[in-house]
PDB file of all heavy atoms in Angstrom:
ATOM      1  N   VAL A   1     121.201  36.618  97.938  1.00  0.00           N
ATOM      2  CA  VAL A   1     121.831  37.565  97.010  1.00  0.00           C
ATOM      3  C   VAL A   1     120.766  38.483  96.439  1.00  0.00           C
ATOM      4  O   VAL A   1     119.688  38.024  96.048  1.00  0.00           O
ATOM      5  CB  VAL A   1     122.547  36.796  95.876  1.00  0.00           C
ATOM      6  CG1 VAL A   1     122.958  37.730  94.754  1.00  0.00           C
ATOM      7  CG2 VAL A   1     123.763  36.072  96.422  1.00  0.00           C
ATOM      8  N   GLU A   2     121.035  39.778  96.411  1.00  0.00           N
ATOM      9  CA  GLU A   2     120.113  40.709  95.763  1.00  0.00           C
ATOM     10  C   GLU A   2     120.902  41.609  94.813  1.00  0.00           C
ATOM     11  O   GLU A   2     122.044  41.979  95.080  1.00  0.00           O
ATOM     12  CB  GLU A   2     119.313  41.522  96.788  1.00  0.00           C
ATOM     13  CG  GLU A   2     120.113  42.463  97.633  1.00  0.00           C
ATOM     14  CD  GLU A   2     119.256  43.285  98.592  1.00  0.00           C
ATOM     15  OE1 GLU A   2     118.191  42.805  99.014  1.00  0.00           O
ATOM     16  OE2 GLU A   2     119.678  44.404  98.940  1.00  0.00           O
ATOM     17  N   GLY A   3     120.288  41.922  93.684  1.00  0.00           N
ATOM     18  CA  GLY A   3     120.956  42.731  92.679  1.00  0.00           C
ATOM     19  C   GLY A   3     120.964  44.205  93.021  1.00  0.00           C
ATOM     20  O   GLY A   3     120.109  44.692  93.776  1.00  0.00           O
ATOM     21  N   LEU A   4     121.927  44.912  92.466  1.00  0.00           N
ATOM     22  CA  LEU A   4     121.946  46.366  92.604  1.00  0.00           C
ATOM     23  C   LEU A   4     120.853  46.971  91.724  1.00  0.00           C
ATOM     24  O   LEU A   4     120.464  46.373  90.717  1.00  0.00           O
ATOM     25  CB  LEU A   4     123.302  46.919  92.138  1.00  0.00           C
ATOM     26  CG  LEU A   4     124.362  47.181  93.220  1.00  0.00           C
ATOM     27  CD1 LEU A   4     124.713  45.905  93.948  1.00  0.00           C
ATOM     28  CD2 LEU A   4     125.611  47.789  92.592  1.00  0.00           C
ATOM     29  N   THR A   5     120.385  48.131  92.088  1.00  0.00           N
ATOM     30  CA  THR A   5     119.425  48.838  91.239  1.00  0.00           C
ATOM     31  C   THR A   5     120.221  49.520  90.111  1.00  0.00           C
ATOM     32  O   THR A   5     121.421  49.765  90.256  1.00  0.00           O
ATOM     33  CB  THR A   5     118.675  49.922  92.034  1.00  0.00           C
ATOM     34  OG1 THR A   5     119.647  50.906  92.467  1.00  0.00           O
ATOM     35  CG2 THR A   5     117.958  49.340  93.241  1.00  0.00           C
ATOM     36  N   PRO A   6     119.553  49.844  88.985  1.00  0.00           N
ATOM     37  CA  PRO A   6     120.260  50.564  87.912  1.00  0.00           C
ATOM     38  C   PRO A   6     120.934  51.838  88.421  1.00  0.00           C
ATOM     39  O   PRO A   6     122.065  52.153  88.035  1.00  0.00           O
ATOM     40  CB  PRO A   6     119.143  50.877  86.914  1.00  0.00           C
ATOM     41  CG  PRO A   6     118.175  49.748  87.089  1.00  0.00           C
ATOM     42  CD  PRO A   6     118.185  49.468  88.568  1.00  0.00           C
ATOM     43  N   LYS A   7     120.262  52.545  89.345  1.00  0.00           N
ATOM     44  CA  LYS A   7     120.820  53.791  89.881  1.00  0.00           C
ATOM     45  C   LYS A   7     122.133  53.511  90.628  1.00  0.00           C
ATOM     46  O   LYS A   7     123.128  54.225  90.466  1.00  0.00           O
ATOM     47  CB  LYS A   7     119.811  54.456  90.829  1.00  0.00           C
ATOM     48  CG  LYS A   7     120.270  55.807  91.358  1.00  0.00           C
ATOM     49  CD  LYS A   7     119.252  56.397  92.332  1.00  0.00           C
ATOM     50  CE  LYS A   7     119.756  57.708  92.925  1.00  0.00           C
ATOM     51  NZ  LYS A   7     118.827  58.250  93.933  1.00  0.00           N
ATOM     52  N   GLU A   8     122.133  52.449  91.447  1.00  0.00           N
ATOM     53  CA  GLU A   8     123.341  52.085  92.199  1.00  0.00           C
ATOM     54  C   GLU A   8     124.464  51.677  91.241  1.00  0.00           C
ATOM     55  O   GLU A   8     125.627  52.033  91.435  1.00  0.00           O
ATOM     56  CB  GLU A   8     123.038  50.923  93.153  1.00  0.00           C
ATOM     57  CG  GLU A   8     122.172  51.320  94.341  1.00  0.00           C
ATOM     58  CD  GLU A   8     121.730  50.115  95.157  1.00  0.00           C
ATOM     59  OE1 GLU A   8     121.437  49.058  94.565  1.00  0.00           O
ATOM     60  OE2 GLU A   8     121.678  50.234  96.384  1.00  0.00           O
ATOM     61  N   PHE A   9     124.092  50.919  90.201  1.00  0.00           N
ATOM     62  CA  PHE A   9     125.100  50.457  89.257  1.00  0.00           C
ATOM     63  C   PHE A   9     125.731  51.627  88.497  1.00  0.00           C
ATOM     64  O   PHE A   9     126.945  51.671  88.295  1.00  0.00           O
ATOM     65  CB  PHE A   9     124.500  49.449  88.274  1.00  0.00           C
ATOM     66  CG  PHE A   9     125.485  48.973  87.240  1.00  0.00           C
ATOM     67  CD1 PHE A   9     126.494  48.082  87.595  1.00  0.00           C
ATOM     68  CD2 PHE A   9     125.443  49.451  85.937  1.00  0.00           C
ATOM     69  CE1 PHE A   9     127.438  47.659  86.653  1.00  0.00           C
ATOM     70  CE2 PHE A   9     126.379  49.036  84.995  1.00  0.00           C
ATOM     71  CZ  PHE A   9     127.376  48.136  85.351  1.00  0.00           C
ATOM     72  N   ARG A  10     124.902  52.574  88.085  1.00  0.00           N
ATOM     73  CA  ARG A  10     125.397  53.717  87.289  1.00  0.00           C
ATOM     74  C   ARG A  10     126.417  54.557  88.045  1.00  0.00           C
ATOM     75  O   ARG A  10     127.264  55.222  87.446  1.00  0.00           O
ATOM     76  CB  ARG A  10     124.213  54.589  86.837  1.00  0.00           C
ATOM     77  CG  ARG A  10     123.391  53.944  85.729  1.00  0.00           C
ATOM     78  CD  ARG A  10     122.387  54.925  85.124  1.00  0.00           C
ATOM     79  NE  ARG A  10     121.488  54.257  84.198  1.00  0.00           N
ATOM     80  CZ  ARG A  10     120.233  53.920  84.482  1.00  0.00           C
ATOM     81  NH1 ARG A  10     119.725  54.204  85.684  1.00  0.00           N
ATOM     82  NH2 ARG A  10     119.488  53.311  83.587  1.00  0.00           N
ATOM     83  N   GLN A  11     126.354  54.514  89.382  1.00  0.00           N
ATOM     84  CA  GLN A  11     127.311  55.281  90.192  1.00  0.00           C
ATOM     85  C   GLN A  11     128.753  54.803  89.980  1.00  0.00           C
ATOM     86  O   GLN A  11     129.709  55.515  90.291  1.00  0.00           O
ATOM     87  CB  GLN A  11     126.936  55.185  91.679  1.00  0.00           C
ATOM     88  CG  GLN A  11     125.688  55.995  92.016  1.00  0.00           C
ATOM     89  CD  GLN A  11     125.165  55.710  93.419  1.00  0.00           C
ATOM     90  OE1 GLN A  11     125.709  54.887  94.146  1.00  0.00           O
ATOM     91  NE2 GLN A  11     124.095  56.393  93.808  1.00  0.00           N
ATOM     92  N   GLN A  12     128.902  53.590  89.437  1.00  0.00           N
ATOM     93  CA  GLN A  12     130.247  53.051  89.203  1.00  0.00           C
ATOM     94  C   GLN A  12     130.838  53.544  87.880  1.00  0.00           C
ATOM     95  O   GLN A  12     131.990  53.232  87.563  1.00  0.00           O
ATOM     96  CB  GLN A  12     130.199  51.514  89.204  1.00  0.00           C
ATOM     97  CG  GLN A  12     129.765  50.940  90.542  1.00  0.00           C
ATOM     98  CD  GLN A  12     129.617  49.428  90.483  1.00  0.00           C
ATOM     99  OE1 GLN A  12     130.603  48.685  90.454  1.00  0.00           O
ATOM    100  NE2 GLN A  12     128.375  48.958  90.458  1.00  0.00           N
ATOM    101  N   LYS A  13     130.016  54.306  87.119  1.00  0.00           N
ATOM    102  CA  LYS A  13     130.481  54.887  85.841  1.00  0.00           C
ATOM    103  C   LYS A  13     130.999  53.820  84.865  1.00  0.00           C
ATOM    104  O   LYS A  13     132.030  53.986  84.226  1.00  0.00           O
ATOM    105  CB  LYS A  13     131.600  55.914  86.097  1.00  0.00           C
ATOM    106  CG  LYS A  13     131.227  57.047  87.067  1.00  0.00           C
ATOM    107  CD  LYS A  13     130.418  58.125  86.372  1.00  0.00           C
ATOM    108  CE  LYS A  13     130.304  59.397  87.179  1.00  0.00           C
ATOM    109  NZ  LYS A  13     129.531  59.294  88.419  1.00  0.00           N
ATOM    110  N   ILE A  14     130.271  52.701  84.809  1.00  0.00           N
ATOM    111  CA  ILE A  14     130.638  51.619  83.888  1.00  0.00           C
ATOM    112  C   ILE A  14     129.624  51.573  82.750  1.00  0.00           C
ATOM    113  O   ILE A  14     128.413  51.491  82.998  1.00  0.00           O
ATOM    114  CB  ILE A  14     130.632  50.238  84.612  1.00  0.00           C
ATOM    115  CG1 ILE A  14     131.757  50.151  85.647  1.00  0.00           C
ATOM    116  CG2 ILE A  14     130.711  49.083  83.606  1.00  0.00           C
ATOM    117  CD1 ILE A  14     133.113  49.784  85.117  1.00  0.00           C
ATOM    118  N   ASN A  15     130.105  51.644  81.510  1.00  0.00           N
ATOM    119  CA  ASN A  15     129.234  51.497  80.347  1.00  0.00           C
ATOM    120  C   ASN A  15     129.443  50.089  79.787  1.00  0.00           C
ATOM    121  O   ASN A  15     130.500  49.791  79.220  1.00  0.00           O
ATOM    122  CB  ASN A  15     129.567  52.557  79.290  1.00  0.00           C
ATOM    123  CG  ASN A  15     128.647  52.447  78.075  1.00  0.00           C
ATOM    124  OD1 ASN A  15     127.871  51.498  77.950  1.00  0.00           O
ATOM    125  ND2 ASN A  15     128.735  53.409  77.178  1.00  0.00           N
ATOM    126  N   ILE A  16     128.446  49.226  79.980  1.00  0.00           N
ATOM    127  CA  ILE A  16     128.574  47.814  79.590  1.00  0.00           C
ATOM    128  C   ILE A  16     128.942  47.665  78.115  1.00  0.00           C
ATOM    129  O   ILE A  16     129.736  46.794  77.740  1.00  0.00           O
ATOM    130  CB  ILE A  16     127.260  47.062  79.909  1.00  0.00           C
ATOM    131  CG1 ILE A  16     127.075  46.968  81.439  1.00  0.00           C
ATOM    132  CG2 ILE A  16     127.265  45.653  79.301  1.00  0.00           C
ATOM    133  CD1 ILE A  16     125.716  46.517  81.894  1.00  0.00           C
ATOM    134  N   LEU A  17     128.401  48.534  77.260  1.00  0.00           N
ATOM    135  CA  LEU A  17     128.645  48.414  75.816  1.00  0.00           C
ATOM    136  C   LEU A  17     130.061  48.830  75.396  1.00  0.00           C
ATOM    137  O   LEU A  17     130.438  48.694  74.236  1.00  0.00           O
ATOM    138  CB  LEU A  17     127.596  49.213  75.039  1.00  0.00           C
ATOM    139  CG  LEU A  17     126.150  48.703  75.205  1.00  0.00           C
ATOM    140  CD1 LEU A  17     125.192  49.562  74.424  1.00  0.00           C
ATOM    141  CD2 LEU A  17     126.035  47.240  74.781  1.00  0.00           C
ATOM    142  N   ASN A  18     130.845  49.307  76.366  1.00  0.00           N
ATOM    143  CA  ASN A  18     132.255  49.616  76.071  1.00  0.00           C
ATOM    144  C   ASN A  18     133.112  48.353  76.083  1.00  0.00           C
ATOM    145  O   ASN A  18     134.297  48.389  75.761  1.00  0.00           O
ATOM    146  CB  ASN A  18     132.830  50.594  77.101  1.00  0.00           C
ATOM    147  CG  ASN A  18     132.362  52.019  76.849  1.00  0.00           C
ATOM    148  OD1 ASN A  18     131.799  52.303  75.796  1.00  0.00           O
ATOM    149  ND2 ASN A  18     132.572  52.898  77.815  1.00  0.00           N
ATOM    150  N   TYR A  19     132.503  47.236  76.500  1.00  0.00           N
ATOM    151  CA  TYR A  19     133.249  45.984  76.666  1.00  0.00           C
ATOM    152  C   TYR A  19     132.831  44.959  75.612  1.00  0.00           C
ATOM    153  O   TYR A  19     131.688  44.948  75.160  1.00  0.00           O
ATOM    154  CB  TYR A  19     133.063  45.448  78.093  1.00  0.00           C
ATOM    155  CG  TYR A  19     133.591  46.445  79.103  1.00  0.00           C
ATOM    156  CD1 TYR A  19     132.779  47.465  79.588  1.00  0.00           C
ATOM    157  CD2 TYR A  19     134.921  46.412  79.494  1.00  0.00           C
ATOM    158  CE1 TYR A  19     133.268  48.436  80.453  1.00  0.00           C
ATOM    159  CE2 TYR A  19     135.427  47.364  80.365  1.00  0.00           C
ATOM    160  CZ  TYR A  19     134.606  48.374  80.842  1.00  0.00           C
ATOM    161  OH  TYR A  19     135.112  49.324  81.679  1.00  0.00           O
ATOM    162  N   THR A  20     133.783  44.088  75.256  1.00  0.00           N
ATOM    163  CA  THR A  20     133.525  43.094  74.199  1.00  0.00           C
ATOM    164  C   THR A  20     133.435  41.673  74.747  1.00  0.00           C
ATOM    165  O   THR A  20     133.095  40.745  74.030  1.00  0.00           O
ATOM    166  CB  THR A  20     134.659  43.137  73.156  1.00  0.00           C
ATOM    167  OG1 THR A  20     135.911  42.873  73.820  1.00  0.00           O
ATOM    168  CG2 THR A  20     134.714  44.499  72.466  1.00  0.00           C
ATOM    169  N   ALA A  21     133.751  41.505  76.049  1.00  0.00           N
ATOM    170  CA  ALA A  21     133.704  40.171  76.662  1.00  0.00           C
ATOM    171  C   ALA A  21     133.331  40.297  78.136  1.00  0.00           C
ATOM    172  O   ALA A  21     133.774  41.217  78.819  1.00  0.00           O
ATOM    173  CB  ALA A  21     135.056  39.475  76.512  1.00  0.00           C
ATOM    174  N   ILE A  22     132.503  39.370  78.600  1.00  0.00           N
ATOM    175  CA  ILE A  22     132.095  39.353  80.006  1.00  0.00           C
ATOM    176  C   ILE A  22     132.670  38.104  80.665  1.00  0.00           C
ATOM    177  O   ILE A  22     132.613  37.009  80.102  1.00  0.00           O
ATOM    178  CB  ILE A  22     130.547  39.325  80.155  1.00  0.00           C
ATOM    179  CG1 ILE A  22     129.883  40.360  79.234  1.00  0.00           C
ATOM    180  CG2 ILE A  22     130.147  39.559  81.614  1.00  0.00           C
ATOM    181  CD1 ILE A  22     130.188  41.802  79.536  1.00  0.00           C
ATOM    182  N   VAL A  23     133.214  38.266  81.878  1.00  0.00           N
ATOM    183  CA  VAL A  23     133.763  37.129  82.627  1.00  0.00           C
ATOM    184  C   VAL A  23     132.797  36.777  83.756  1.00  0.00           C
ATOM    185  O   VAL A  23     132.526  37.605  84.635  1.00  0.00           O
ATOM    186  CB  VAL A  23     135.155  37.473  83.213  1.00  0.00           C
ATOM    187  CG1 VAL A  23     135.733  36.268  83.961  1.00  0.00           C
ATOM    188  CG2 VAL A  23     136.106  37.914  82.110  1.00  0.00           C
ATOM    189  N   PHE A  24     132.275  35.546  83.730  1.00  0.00           N
ATOM    190  CA  PHE A  24     131.316  35.122  84.751  1.00  0.00           C
ATOM    191  C   PHE A  24     131.940  34.113  85.704  1.00  0.00           C
ATOM    192  O   PHE A  24     132.461  33.083  85.283  1.00  0.00           O
ATOM    193  CB  PHE A  24     130.081  34.492  84.105  1.00  0.00           C
ATOM    194  CG  PHE A  24     129.174  35.491  83.425  1.00  0.00           C
ATOM    195  CD1 PHE A  24     128.764  35.281  82.102  1.00  0.00           C
ATOM    196  CD2 PHE A  24     128.717  36.616  84.088  1.00  0.00           C
ATOM    197  CE1 PHE A  24     127.912  36.184  81.476  1.00  0.00           C
ATOM    198  CE2 PHE A  24     127.878  37.524  83.468  1.00  0.00           C
ATOM    199  CZ  PHE A  24     127.474  37.311  82.155  1.00  0.00           C
ATOM    200  N   THR A  25     131.863  34.404  87.008  1.00  0.00           N
ATOM    201  CA  THR A  25     132.415  33.503  88.019  1.00  0.00           C
ATOM    202  C   THR A  25     131.328  32.713  88.751  1.00  0.00           C
ATOM    203  O   THR A  25     131.631  31.832  89.542  1.00  0.00           O
ATOM    204  CB  THR A  25     133.222  34.310  89.062  1.00  0.00           C
ATOM    205  OG1 THR A  25     132.369  35.347  89.592  1.00  0.00           O
ATOM    206  CG2 THR A  25     134.442  34.948  88.430  1.00  0.00           C
ATOM    207  N   SER A  26     130.049  33.049  88.500  1.00  0.00           N
ATOM    208  CA  SER A  26     128.955  32.345  89.178  1.00  0.00           C
ATOM    209  C   SER A  26     127.638  32.556  88.441  1.00  0.00           C
ATOM    210  O   SER A  26     127.519  33.441  87.587  1.00  0.00           O
ATOM    211  CB  SER A  26     128.799  32.864  90.617  1.00  0.00           C
ATOM    212  OG  SER A  26     128.274  34.196  90.583  1.00  0.00           O
ATOM    213  N   ARG A  27     126.647  31.753  88.802  1.00  0.00           N
ATOM    214  CA  ARG A  27     125.302  31.924  88.230  1.00  0.00           C
ATOM    215  C   ARG A  27     124.684  33.240  88.706  1.00  0.00           C
ATOM    216  O   ARG A  27     123.933  33.869  87.972  1.00  0.00           O
ATOM    217  CB  ARG A  27     124.408  30.750  88.642  1.00  0.00           C
ATOM    218  CG  ARG A  27     124.816  29.429  88.014  1.00  0.00           C
ATOM    219  CD  ARG A  27     123.862  28.328  88.422  1.00  0.00           C
ATOM    220  NE  ARG A  27     124.289  27.044  87.899  1.00  0.00           N
ATOM    221  CZ  ARG A  27     123.551  25.949  87.977  1.00  0.00           C
ATOM    222  NH1 ARG A  27     122.362  25.995  88.544  1.00  0.00           N
ATOM    223  NH2 ARG A  27     123.989  24.801  87.493  1.00  0.00           N
ATOM    224  N   HIS A  28     125.008  33.621  89.940  1.00  0.00           N
ATOM    225  CA  HIS A  28     124.497  34.900  90.463  1.00  0.00           C
ATOM    226  C   HIS A  28     124.947  36.045  89.563  1.00  0.00           C
ATOM    227  O   HIS A  28     124.184  36.974  89.279  1.00  0.00           O
ATOM    228  CB  HIS A  28     125.013  35.157  91.884  1.00  0.00           C
ATOM    229  CG  HIS A  28     124.402  34.271  92.922  1.00  0.00           C
ATOM    230  ND1 HIS A  28     123.045  34.076  93.030  1.00  0.00           N
ATOM    231  CD2 HIS A  28     124.970  33.532  93.903  1.00  0.00           C
ATOM    232  CE1 HIS A  28     122.807  33.250  94.036  1.00  0.00           C
ATOM    233  NE2 HIS A  28     123.949  32.903  94.576  1.00  0.00           N
ATOM    234  N   ALA A  29     126.211  35.971  89.114  1.00  0.00           N
ATOM    235  CA  ALA A  29     126.752  37.022  88.245  1.00  0.00           C
ATOM    236  C   ALA A  29     125.966  37.076  86.935  1.00  0.00           C
ATOM    237  O   ALA A  29     125.630  38.158  86.440  1.00  0.00           O
ATOM    238  CB  ALA A  29     128.230  36.770  87.979  1.00  0.00           C
ATOM    239  N   ILE A  30     125.652  35.906  86.368  1.00  0.00           N
ATOM    240  CA  ILE A  30     124.891  35.837  85.112  1.00  0.00           C
ATOM    241  C   ILE A  30     123.493  36.431  85.299  1.00  0.00           C
ATOM    242  O   ILE A  30     123.056  37.287  84.528  1.00  0.00           O
ATOM    243  CB  ILE A  30     124.790  34.378  84.608  1.00  0.00           C
ATOM    244  CG1 ILE A  30     126.173  33.874  84.187  1.00  0.00           C
ATOM    245  CG2 ILE A  30     123.813  34.266  83.432  1.00  0.00           C
ATOM    246  CD1 ILE A  30     126.223  32.396  83.799  1.00  0.00           C
TER     247      ILE A  30
END
């Protein structure tokens, strides 16, 4: 498993601070 780069992530137009809860399905996600 390899993580996305910040640049790749930003392309999804997601602002993490707009959310109040995170759902984790695996340690990789964490």
